[in-house]
Amino acid sequence: MTAQQTTIAGLEEIYDTLALAIDAAPQHKGELLLAKVALLLAHEIQDPQRVIDLIAQAASDLPPPATQAA
């Protein structure tokens, strides 16, 4: 992480920018956009294990996939 921590307002701006970009992406391309953002950020971080740990952290509290009724 950089010496300067991102403020709550900064995180909100990042969230808003990302949400708008996902909404503006062509249909079914939101996942591709997120993957590209993750790879660009990983390139900036230059610490593969840290990126892997952050991906695991982000995935750890996702709700389980919905089951389909037969």
C-alpha atoms as a PDB file:
ATOM      1  CA  MET A   1       0.000   0.000   0.000  1.00  0.00           C
ATOM      2  CA  THR A   2       1.202   3.527  -0.619  1.00  0.00           C
ATOM      3  CA  ALA A   3       2.334   5.791   2.184  1.00  0.00           C
ATOM      4  CA  GLN A   4      -0.878   7.789   1.809  1.00  0.00           C
ATOM      5  CA  GLN A   5      -3.970   5.808   2.799  1.00  0.00           C
ATOM      6  CA  THR A   6      -7.057   6.268   0.659  1.00  0.00           C
ATOM      7  CA  THR A   7      -9.721   8.201   2.552  1.00  0.00           C
ATOM      8  CA  ILE A   8     -13.329   7.076   2.834  1.00  0.00           C
ATOM      9  CA  ALA A   9     -14.283   9.843   0.389  1.00  0.00           C
ATOM     10  CA  GLY A  10     -11.615   8.569  -2.001  1.00  0.00           C
ATOM     11  CA  LEU A  11     -12.940   5.015  -1.733  1.00  0.00           C
ATOM     12  CA  GLU A  12     -16.470   6.265  -2.402  1.00  0.00           C
ATOM     13  CA  GLU A  13     -15.247   8.082  -5.508  1.00  0.00           C
ATOM     14  CA  ILE A  14     -13.488   4.925  -6.704  1.00  0.00           C
ATOM     15  CA  TYR A  15     -16.632   2.863  -6.068  1.00  0.00           C
ATOM     16  CA  ASP A  16     -18.813   5.375  -7.937  1.00  0.00           C
ATOM     17  CA  THR A  17     -16.395   5.531 -10.878  1.00  0.00           C
ATOM     18  CA  LEU A  18     -16.220   1.744 -11.082  1.00  0.00           C
ATOM     19  CA  ALA A  19     -19.999   1.354 -10.820  1.00  0.00           C
ATOM     20  CA  LEU A  20     -20.543   3.890 -13.607  1.00  0.00           C
ATOM     21  CA  ALA A  21     -17.974   2.140 -15.811  1.00  0.00           C
ATOM     22  CA  ILE A  22     -19.688  -1.221 -15.240  1.00  0.00           C
ATOM     23  CA  ASP A  23     -23.076   0.308 -16.059  1.00  0.00           C
ATOM     24  CA  ALA A  24     -21.657   1.878 -19.237  1.00  0.00           C
ATOM     25  CA  ALA A  25     -19.985  -1.356 -20.397  1.00  0.00           C
ATOM     26  CA  PRO A  26     -21.682  -3.298 -23.165  1.00  0.00           C
ATOM     27  CA  GLN A  27     -24.067  -6.032 -22.016  1.00  0.00           C
ATOM     28  CA  HIS A  28     -22.274  -8.970 -20.354  1.00  0.00           C
ATOM     29  CA  LYS A  29     -18.905  -7.150 -20.425  1.00  0.00           C
ATOM     30  CA  GLY A  30     -18.900  -5.969 -16.786  1.00  0.00           C
ATOM     31  CA  GLU A  31     -16.904  -9.021 -15.702  1.00  0.00           C
ATOM     32  CA  LEU A  32     -14.332  -8.371 -18.410  1.00  0.00           C
ATOM     33  CA  LEU A  33     -14.035  -4.763 -17.272  1.00  0.00           C
ATOM     34  CA  LEU A  34     -13.466  -5.876 -13.667  1.00  0.00           C
ATOM     35  CA  ALA A  35     -10.811  -8.377 -14.760  1.00  0.00           C
ATOM     36  CA  LYS A  36      -8.994  -5.674 -16.735  1.00  0.00           C
ATOM     37  CA  VAL A  37      -9.133  -3.280 -13.771  1.00  0.00           C
ATOM     38  CA  ALA A  38      -7.777  -6.000 -11.475  1.00  0.00           C
ATOM     39  CA  LEU A  39      -4.888  -6.746 -13.840  1.00  0.00           C
ATOM     40  CA  LEU A  40      -4.030  -3.061 -14.250  1.00  0.00           C
ATOM     41  CA  LEU A  41      -4.032  -2.582 -10.482  1.00  0.00           C
ATOM     42  CA  ALA A  42      -1.940  -5.735 -10.016  1.00  0.00           C
ATOM     43  CA  HIS A  43       0.592  -4.324 -12.454  1.00  0.00           C
ATOM     44  CA  GLU A  44       0.742  -1.115 -10.401  1.00  0.00           C
ATOM     45  CA  ILE A  45       1.089  -2.962  -7.080  1.00  0.00           C
ATOM     46  CA  GLN A  46       3.970  -5.141  -8.346  1.00  0.00           C
ATOM     47  CA  ASP A  47       3.370  -7.723  -5.595  1.00  0.00           C
ATOM     48  CA  PRO A  48       1.655 -10.840  -6.983  1.00  0.00           C
ATOM     49  CA  GLN A  49       1.104 -12.494  -3.594  1.00  0.00           C
ATOM     50  CA  ARG A  50      -0.508  -9.341  -2.202  1.00  0.00           C
ATOM     51  CA  VAL A  51      -2.874  -9.238  -5.188  1.00  0.00           C
ATOM     52  CA  ILE A  52      -3.727 -12.922  -4.723  1.00  0.00           C
ATOM     53  CA  ASP A  53      -4.419 -12.306  -1.027  1.00  0.00           C
ATOM     54  CA  LEU A  54      -6.669  -9.344  -1.840  1.00  0.00           C
ATOM     55  CA  ILE A  55      -8.620 -11.387  -4.383  1.00  0.00           C
ATOM     56  CA  ALA A  56      -9.161 -14.081  -1.755  1.00  0.00           C
ATOM     57  CA  GLN A  57     -10.246 -11.431   0.750  1.00  0.00           C
ATOM     58  CA  ALA A  58     -12.733  -9.932  -1.692  1.00  0.00           C
ATOM     59  CA  ALA A  59     -14.141 -13.361  -2.546  1.00  0.00           C
ATOM     60  CA  SER A  60     -14.371 -14.555   1.058  1.00  0.00           C
ATOM     61  CA  ASP A  61     -17.624 -12.818   1.967  1.00  0.00           C
ATOM     62  CA  LEU A  62     -19.591 -13.140  -1.260  1.00  0.00           C
ATOM     63  CA  PRO A  63     -22.985 -14.791  -0.913  1.00  0.00           C
ATOM     64  CA  PRO A  64     -23.238 -18.311  -2.338  1.00  0.00           C
ATOM     65  CA  PRO A  65     -24.660 -18.637  -5.843  1.00  0.00           C
ATOM     66  CA  ALA A  66     -28.434 -18.911  -6.008  1.00  0.00           C
ATOM     67  CA  THR A  67     -29.697 -22.416  -6.643  1.00  0.00           C
ATOM     68  CA  GLN A  68     -32.154 -22.932  -9.443  1.00  0.00           C
ATOM     69  CA  ALA A  69     -35.417 -24.694  -8.757  1.00  0.00           C
ATOM     70  CA  ALA A  70     -35.921 -27.842 -10.794  1.00  0.00           C
END
